[in-house]
């Protein structure tokens, strides 16, 4: 079983990240949260728009990194597991999710 992510069986849909992966995700999200607060402060201080936009781009990139990490774990575990169980609906579910991520 993959260290990143393991699916629960049955109707319960829940991920089970390893402590290492969960810690990494939380650290990244805490950093992003701080960056967002920083942008709020920049707006309050009337910071030059280009500087604010560059910070927004950095946050979007950081969020994409979190998304990629989660997507990889999901594909390597839940998606593979569900396909092996004969549940091919997971492919449509995954395609919808990827389309949302790529907007």
Protein backbone atom coordinates (compact mmCIF):
# COMPACT_ATOMS: atom_id res chain seq x y z
CA UNK A 1 0.00 0.00 0.00
CA UNK A 2 1.24 3.49 -0.88
CA UNK A 3 2.68 5.62 1.92
CA UNK A 4 0.84 8.68 0.65
CA UNK A 5 -2.79 7.75 0.74
CA UNK A 6 -5.03 4.74 1.32
CA UNK A 7 -8.74 4.48 0.66
CA UNK A 8 -11.26 3.24 3.12
CA UNK A 9 -13.43 0.46 1.81
CA UNK A 10 -17.18 0.43 1.41
CA UNK A 11 -19.32 3.54 1.37
CA UNK A 12 -17.01 5.53 3.64
CA UNK A 13 -14.92 7.87 1.51
CA UNK A 14 -12.00 9.04 3.53
CA UNK A 15 -8.30 9.42 2.90
CA UNK A 16 -5.67 8.19 5.29
CA UNK A 17 -2.45 10.09 4.74
CA UNK A 18 0.73 9.03 6.46
CA UNK A 19 1.82 11.31 9.30
CA UNK A 20 4.73 12.52 7.14
CA UNK A 21 2.49 13.47 4.20
CA UNK A 22 -0.13 15.05 6.46
CA UNK A 23 2.54 17.13 8.19
CA UNK A 24 3.93 18.25 4.83
CA UNK A 25 0.46 19.24 3.58
CA UNK A 26 -0.35 21.14 6.79
CA UNK A 27 2.99 22.98 6.66
CA UNK A 28 2.35 24.01 3.06
CA UNK A 29 -1.21 25.13 3.85
CA UNK A 30 -0.07 27.11 6.90
CA UNK A 31 2.48 28.88 4.70
CA UNK A 32 -0.22 29.65 2.11
CA UNK A 33 -2.51 30.93 4.84
CA UNK A 34 0.24 33.29 5.98
CA UNK A 35 0.79 34.48 2.41
CA UNK A 36 -2.91 35.26 2.08
CA UNK A 37 -2.83 37.30 5.29
CA UNK A 38 0.22 39.07 3.86
CA UNK A 39 -1.69 40.00 0.72
CA UNK A 40 -4.53 41.36 2.83
CA UNK A 41 -2.01 43.57 4.60
CA UNK A 42 -0.54 44.68 1.28
CA UNK A 43 -4.00 45.75 0.10
CA UNK A 44 -4.60 47.61 3.37
CA UNK A 45 -1.26 49.42 2.93
CA UNK A 46 -2.04 50.33 -0.71
CA UNK A 47 0.91 48.31 -1.99
CA UNK A 48 1.67 48.64 -5.69
CA UNK A 49 -0.67 46.35 -7.65
CA UNK A 50 2.08 44.50 -9.51
CA UNK A 51 3.66 43.46 -6.21
CA UNK A 52 0.30 42.16 -4.95
CA UNK A 53 -0.31 40.29 -8.20
CA UNK A 54 3.10 38.62 -7.94
CA UNK A 55 2.22 37.42 -4.45
CA UNK A 56 -1.10 36.08 -5.73
CA UNK A 57 0.78 34.16 -8.44
CA UNK A 58 3.05 32.67 -5.77
CA UNK A 59 0.04 31.53 -3.75
CA UNK A 60 -1.60 29.98 -6.80
CA UNK A 61 1.61 28.08 -7.51
CA UNK A 62 1.79 26.87 -3.91
CA UNK A 63 -1.84 25.72 -4.01
CA UNK A 64 -1.15 23.90 -7.27
CA UNK A 65 1.70 22.10 -5.51
CA UNK A 66 -0.65 20.94 -2.74
CA UNK A 67 -3.19 19.85 -5.35
CA UNK A 68 -0.58 17.89 -7.32
CA UNK A 69 0.57 16.14 -4.17
CA UNK A 70 -2.99 15.13 -3.27
CA UNK A 71 -3.83 14.12 -6.83
CA UNK A 72 -0.78 11.88 -7.10
CA UNK A 73 -1.61 10.09 -3.87
CA UNK A 74 -5.24 9.73 -4.90
CA UNK A 75 -4.35 8.27 -8.28
CA UNK A 76 -1.74 5.87 -6.89
CA UNK A 77 -4.09 4.51 -4.25
CA UNK A 78 -7.84 5.14 -4.40
CA UNK A 79 -8.15 5.26 -8.18
CA UNK A 80 -6.06 2.14 -8.72
CA UNK A 81 -7.83 0.32 -5.90
CA UNK A 82 -11.30 1.16 -7.19
CA UNK A 83 -10.42 0.14 -10.76
CA UNK A 84 -9.05 -3.16 -9.47
CA UNK A 85 -12.36 -3.67 -7.66
CA UNK A 86 -14.18 -3.12 -10.98
CA UNK A 87 -15.47 0.36 -10.12
CA UNK A 88 -14.77 2.29 -13.32
CA UNK A 89 -16.95 5.25 -12.23
CA UNK A 90 -13.82 6.50 -10.49
CA UNK A 91 -12.44 7.50 -13.90
CA UNK A 92 -15.33 9.93 -14.53
CA UNK A 93 -14.95 11.25 -10.99
CA UNK A 94 -11.23 11.79 -11.53
CA UNK A 95 -11.75 13.51 -14.88
CA UNK A 96 -14.24 15.95 -13.30
CA UNK A 97 -11.75 16.72 -10.54
CA UNK A 98 -8.85 17.24 -12.97
CA UNK A 99 -11.02 19.57 -15.05
CA UNK A 100 -11.77 21.64 -11.94
CA UNK A 101 -8.08 21.79 -11.06
CA UNK A 102 -7.17 22.97 -14.55
CA UNK A 103 -9.60 25.93 -14.68
